[in-house]
N, C-alpha and C. Protein backbone atom coordinates (compact mmCIF):
# COMPACT_ATOMS: atom_id res chain seq x y z
N MET A 1 -75.65 -40.68 -105.07
CA MET A 1 -76.49 -39.97 -106.00
C MET A 1 -76.19 -38.49 -105.91
N THR A 2 -76.20 -37.83 -107.04
CA THR A 2 -75.95 -36.45 -107.02
C THR A 2 -77.23 -35.66 -107.37
N ASP A 3 -77.23 -34.37 -107.04
CA ASP A 3 -78.40 -33.52 -107.26
C ASP A 3 -78.28 -32.70 -108.55
N ASP A 4 -77.25 -32.98 -109.40
CA ASP A 4 -77.03 -32.18 -110.52
C ASP A 4 -77.60 -32.85 -111.80
N ASP A 5 -77.25 -32.33 -112.95
CA ASP A 5 -77.76 -32.89 -114.23
C ASP A 5 -76.91 -34.01 -114.78
N GLY A 6 -76.03 -34.53 -114.02
CA GLY A 6 -75.18 -35.68 -114.47
C GLY A 6 -73.86 -35.26 -115.06
N ASN A 7 -73.49 -34.02 -114.97
CA ASN A 7 -72.26 -33.55 -115.53
C ASN A 7 -71.18 -33.24 -114.52
N SER A 8 -71.44 -33.55 -113.25
CA SER A 8 -70.42 -33.27 -112.21
C SER A 8 -69.33 -34.33 -112.28
N ARG A 9 -68.26 -33.99 -111.63
CA ARG A 9 -67.13 -34.90 -111.62
C ARG A 9 -67.55 -36.25 -110.99
N LEU A 10 -68.32 -36.18 -109.89
CA LEU A 10 -68.77 -37.41 -109.25
C LEU A 10 -69.66 -38.24 -110.17
N SER A 11 -70.56 -37.61 -110.91
CA SER A 11 -71.46 -38.31 -111.82
C SER A 11 -70.66 -39.01 -112.97
N ARG A 12 -69.67 -38.27 -113.50
CA ARG A 12 -68.85 -38.85 -114.52
C ARG A 12 -68.03 -40.03 -114.03
N LEU A 13 -67.54 -39.93 -112.84
CA LEU A 13 -66.77 -41.04 -112.21
C LEU A 13 -67.64 -42.22 -112.01
N ALA A 14 -68.90 -42.01 -111.53
CA ALA A 14 -69.85 -43.07 -111.31
C ALA A 14 -70.21 -43.77 -112.65
N ASP A 15 -70.39 -42.97 -113.69
CA ASP A 15 -70.67 -43.51 -115.02
C ASP A 15 -69.54 -44.37 -115.56
N GLU A 16 -68.31 -43.89 -115.36
CA GLU A 16 -67.11 -44.58 -115.85
C GLU A 16 -66.95 -45.91 -115.05
N THR A 17 -67.19 -45.84 -113.78
CA THR A 17 -67.08 -47.03 -112.94
C THR A 17 -68.13 -48.07 -113.33
N GLU A 18 -69.39 -47.63 -113.56
CA GLU A 18 -70.39 -48.54 -113.99
C GLU A 18 -70.09 -49.16 -115.33
N ALA A 19 -69.55 -48.39 -116.28
CA ALA A 19 -69.16 -48.94 -117.58
C ALA A 19 -68.11 -50.02 -117.45
N VAL A 20 -67.12 -49.79 -116.64
CA VAL A 20 -66.10 -50.79 -116.37
C VAL A 20 -66.68 -52.06 -115.78
N GLN A 21 -67.54 -51.90 -114.80
CA GLN A 21 -68.18 -53.07 -114.19
C GLN A 21 -69.01 -53.89 -115.15
N LEU A 22 -69.82 -53.18 -115.96
CA LEU A 22 -70.68 -53.91 -116.95
C LEU A 22 -69.82 -54.55 -118.01
N LYS A 23 -68.74 -53.94 -118.45
CA LYS A 23 -67.87 -54.55 -119.45
C LYS A 23 -67.23 -55.80 -118.89
N ALA A 24 -66.74 -55.70 -117.65
CA ALA A 24 -66.15 -56.86 -117.02
C ALA A 24 -67.14 -58.02 -116.90
N GLY A 25 -68.39 -57.70 -116.57
CA GLY A 25 -69.44 -58.72 -116.49
C GLY A 25 -69.69 -59.37 -117.82
N ALA A 26 -69.72 -58.60 -118.86
CA ALA A 26 -69.92 -59.11 -120.22
C ALA A 26 -68.78 -60.06 -120.62
N GLU A 27 -67.57 -59.65 -120.34
CA GLU A 27 -66.41 -60.47 -120.69
C GLU A 27 -66.42 -61.77 -119.87
N LEU A 28 -66.84 -61.67 -118.62
CA LEU A 28 -66.90 -62.87 -117.77
C LEU A 28 -68.00 -63.81 -118.33
N LEU A 29 -69.11 -63.27 -118.78
CA LEU A 29 -70.11 -64.10 -119.33
C LEU A 29 -69.63 -64.85 -120.56
N GLY A 30 -68.87 -64.22 -121.41
CA GLY A 30 -68.25 -64.88 -122.59
C GLY A 30 -67.30 -65.96 -122.15
N LEU A 31 -66.55 -65.77 -121.14
CA LEU A 31 -65.62 -66.78 -120.63
C LEU A 31 -66.41 -67.94 -119.99
N THR A 32 -67.55 -67.67 -119.44
CA THR A 32 -68.38 -68.73 -118.80
C THR A 32 -68.82 -69.73 -119.86
N SER A 33 -69.24 -69.25 -121.07
CA SER A 33 -69.66 -70.17 -122.13
C SER A 33 -68.53 -71.05 -122.50
N GLU A 34 -67.33 -70.49 -122.65
CA GLU A 34 -66.15 -71.32 -122.97
C GLU A 34 -65.88 -72.36 -121.97
N MET A 35 -65.89 -71.99 -120.71
CA MET A 35 -65.56 -72.86 -119.60
C MET A 35 -66.59 -74.00 -119.50
N LEU A 36 -67.87 -73.69 -119.64
CA LEU A 36 -68.90 -74.71 -119.56
C LEU A 36 -68.83 -75.71 -120.66
N SER A 37 -68.32 -75.36 -121.84
CA SER A 37 -68.23 -76.27 -122.94
C SER A 37 -66.96 -77.07 -122.88
N ASP A 38 -66.02 -76.74 -122.00
CA ASP A 38 -64.75 -77.50 -121.83
C ASP A 38 -64.98 -78.53 -120.71
N HIS A 39 -65.01 -79.78 -121.05
CA HIS A 39 -65.24 -80.83 -120.07
C HIS A 39 -64.03 -81.15 -119.19
N LYS A 40 -62.91 -80.47 -119.39
CA LYS A 40 -61.71 -80.64 -118.58
C LYS A 40 -61.59 -79.63 -117.47
N VAL A 41 -62.59 -78.74 -117.35
CA VAL A 41 -62.56 -77.69 -116.33
C VAL A 41 -62.78 -78.36 -114.95
N SER A 42 -61.93 -77.99 -113.99
CA SER A 42 -62.05 -78.62 -112.64
C SER A 42 -63.21 -78.01 -111.85
N ALA A 43 -63.55 -78.70 -110.77
CA ALA A 43 -64.59 -78.15 -109.86
C ALA A 43 -64.06 -76.89 -109.18
N ARG A 44 -62.82 -76.80 -108.89
CA ARG A 44 -62.18 -75.62 -108.29
C ARG A 44 -62.30 -74.41 -109.23
N GLU A 45 -62.07 -74.66 -110.49
CA GLU A 45 -62.17 -73.53 -111.45
C GLU A 45 -63.64 -73.09 -111.62
N LEU A 46 -64.55 -74.04 -111.60
CA LEU A 46 -65.97 -73.69 -111.69
C LEU A 46 -66.41 -72.92 -110.44
N ARG A 47 -65.94 -73.30 -109.25
CA ARG A 47 -66.29 -72.54 -108.05
C ARG A 47 -65.75 -71.12 -108.16
N PHE A 48 -64.53 -70.93 -108.63
CA PHE A 48 -63.98 -69.62 -108.78
C PHE A 48 -64.80 -68.79 -109.84
N LEU A 49 -65.27 -69.46 -110.92
CA LEU A 49 -66.11 -68.83 -111.90
C LEU A 49 -67.40 -68.37 -111.27
N VAL A 50 -68.03 -69.23 -110.43
CA VAL A 50 -69.28 -68.82 -109.80
C VAL A 50 -69.05 -67.65 -108.87
N LYS A 51 -67.96 -67.61 -108.20
CA LYS A 51 -67.60 -66.47 -107.28
C LYS A 51 -67.50 -65.20 -108.08
N CYS A 52 -66.81 -65.27 -109.21
CA CYS A 52 -66.68 -64.08 -110.10
C CYS A 52 -68.02 -63.67 -110.66
N LEU A 53 -68.84 -64.64 -111.09
CA LEU A 53 -70.19 -64.31 -111.62
C LEU A 53 -71.02 -63.64 -110.53
N SER A 54 -70.95 -64.17 -109.35
CA SER A 54 -71.71 -63.52 -108.24
C SER A 54 -71.32 -62.09 -108.05
N GLY A 55 -70.01 -61.79 -108.09
CA GLY A 55 -69.57 -60.42 -107.99
C GLY A 55 -70.05 -59.58 -109.15
N ALA A 56 -69.98 -60.10 -110.35
CA ALA A 56 -70.44 -59.34 -111.54
C ALA A 56 -71.95 -59.09 -111.46
N LEU A 57 -72.71 -60.05 -111.00
CA LEU A 57 -74.13 -59.91 -110.88
C LEU A 57 -74.46 -58.81 -109.79
N ARG A 58 -73.75 -58.82 -108.69
CA ARG A 58 -73.93 -57.86 -107.66
C ARG A 58 -73.64 -56.49 -108.18
N ASP A 59 -72.56 -56.28 -108.98
CA ASP A 59 -72.25 -55.04 -109.58
C ASP A 59 -73.36 -54.61 -110.55
N ALA A 60 -73.84 -55.52 -111.38
CA ALA A 60 -74.84 -55.21 -112.35
C ALA A 60 -76.17 -54.72 -111.61
N LEU A 61 -76.51 -55.42 -110.57
CA LEU A 61 -77.70 -55.02 -109.80
C LEU A 61 -77.51 -53.63 -109.15
N ARG A 62 -76.32 -53.38 -108.67
CA ARG A 62 -76.02 -52.11 -108.10
C ARG A 62 -76.14 -50.98 -109.18
N VAL A 63 -75.64 -51.23 -110.37
CA VAL A 63 -75.71 -50.26 -111.45
C VAL A 63 -77.20 -50.06 -111.80
N ALA A 64 -77.97 -51.15 -111.93
CA ALA A 64 -79.38 -51.04 -112.26
C ALA A 64 -80.13 -50.21 -111.21
N GLU A 65 -79.85 -50.49 -109.96
CA GLU A 65 -80.53 -49.71 -108.88
C GLU A 65 -80.15 -48.27 -108.93
N SER A 66 -78.86 -48.03 -109.15
CA SER A 66 -78.40 -46.64 -109.20
C SER A 66 -79.05 -45.88 -110.40
N ARG A 67 -79.02 -46.47 -111.54
CA ARG A 67 -79.61 -45.83 -112.69
C ARG A 67 -81.12 -45.73 -112.55
N GLY A 68 -81.74 -46.73 -112.02
CA GLY A 68 -83.17 -46.68 -111.82
C GLY A 68 -83.55 -45.56 -110.85
N GLY A 69 -82.76 -45.25 -109.89
CA GLY A 69 -83.01 -44.16 -108.97
C GLY A 69 -82.91 -42.82 -109.61
N ARG A 70 -82.25 -42.73 -110.77
CA ARG A 70 -82.10 -41.48 -111.46
C ARG A 70 -83.22 -41.25 -112.50
N LEU A 71 -84.06 -42.28 -112.72
CA LEU A 71 -85.14 -42.15 -113.70
C LEU A 71 -86.34 -41.47 -113.06
N PRO A 72 -87.12 -40.74 -113.85
CA PRO A 72 -88.33 -40.12 -113.28
C PRO A 72 -89.31 -41.22 -112.96
N ARG A 73 -90.06 -41.02 -111.90
CA ARG A 73 -91.06 -41.98 -111.45
C ARG A 73 -92.26 -41.93 -112.44
N ARG A 74 -92.86 -43.08 -112.68
CA ARG A 74 -94.06 -43.18 -113.50
C ARG A 74 -95.30 -42.82 -112.66
N ALA A 75 -96.14 -42.00 -113.24
CA ALA A 75 -97.41 -41.64 -112.57
C ALA A 75 -98.33 -42.86 -112.63
N ASP A 76 -99.15 -43.03 -111.60
CA ASP A 76 -100.08 -44.11 -111.56
C ASP A 76 -101.00 -44.19 -112.76
N SER A 77 -101.28 -43.08 -113.37
CA SER A 77 -102.19 -43.04 -114.54
C SER A 77 -101.49 -43.41 -115.83
N GLU A 78 -100.14 -43.54 -115.86
CA GLU A 78 -99.42 -43.94 -117.07
C GLU A 78 -99.58 -45.41 -117.33
N SER A 79 -99.58 -45.73 -118.62
CA SER A 79 -99.72 -47.10 -119.07
C SER A 79 -98.50 -47.91 -118.72
N LEU A 80 -98.70 -49.19 -118.46
CA LEU A 80 -97.58 -50.09 -118.25
C LEU A 80 -97.11 -50.72 -119.58
N ASP A 81 -97.81 -50.46 -120.63
CA ASP A 81 -97.44 -51.02 -121.93
C ASP A 81 -96.38 -50.14 -122.57
N GLY A 82 -95.37 -50.81 -123.14
CA GLY A 82 -94.29 -50.09 -123.84
C GLY A 82 -94.78 -49.73 -125.23
N PRO A 83 -93.91 -49.06 -125.99
CA PRO A 83 -94.32 -48.61 -127.35
C PRO A 83 -94.64 -49.73 -128.30
N ASP A 84 -94.07 -50.92 -128.04
CA ASP A 84 -94.35 -52.06 -128.90
C ASP A 84 -95.48 -52.90 -128.36
N GLY A 85 -96.19 -52.43 -127.35
CA GLY A 85 -97.33 -53.18 -126.80
C GLY A 85 -96.99 -54.18 -125.71
N ASP A 86 -95.66 -54.36 -125.48
CA ASP A 86 -95.23 -55.31 -124.43
C ASP A 86 -95.38 -54.68 -123.07
N LEU A 87 -95.67 -55.50 -122.13
CA LEU A 87 -95.76 -55.02 -120.71
C LEU A 87 -94.35 -54.58 -120.23
N LYS A 88 -94.28 -53.36 -119.68
CA LYS A 88 -93.03 -52.86 -119.14
C LYS A 88 -92.81 -53.58 -117.79
N ARG A 89 -91.57 -53.82 -117.48
CA ARG A 89 -91.21 -54.43 -116.20
C ARG A 89 -91.13 -53.33 -115.13
N GLU A 90 -91.75 -53.62 -114.00
CA GLU A 90 -91.67 -52.67 -112.91
C GLU A 90 -90.37 -52.93 -112.10
N LYS A 91 -89.88 -51.89 -111.51
CA LYS A 91 -88.69 -51.98 -110.68
C LYS A 91 -89.04 -52.77 -109.42
N GLU A 92 -88.26 -53.84 -109.16
CA GLU A 92 -88.51 -54.64 -108.01
C GLU A 92 -87.49 -54.26 -106.94
N THR A 93 -87.91 -54.25 -105.67
CA THR A 93 -87.07 -53.94 -104.57
C THR A 93 -86.80 -55.25 -103.86
N TYR A 94 -85.52 -55.55 -103.72
CA TYR A 94 -85.14 -56.71 -102.98
C TYR A 94 -84.63 -56.33 -101.56
N GLU A 95 -85.30 -56.76 -100.59
CA GLU A 95 -84.91 -56.43 -99.23
C GLU A 95 -84.58 -57.66 -98.42
């Protein structure tokens, strides 16, 4: 995490890395649909797919945690309802 306004070299590198990770996860998700509909996919291929999906999920959670840490904290008096009346999701900490 940086202490600046997000324009430092480190911040830009982190943003670029996050974008690459999220794009790779999205592409993997598309491949997953194809593989699951193909009944000729082997168990070994599916295990490899699960390993890749686990890595993509880990990256996505890391991105979400990193970006969540950069958001301003909500005051206790602020409403949990979003602009459309839906309940906002609170940040969960997994330990």
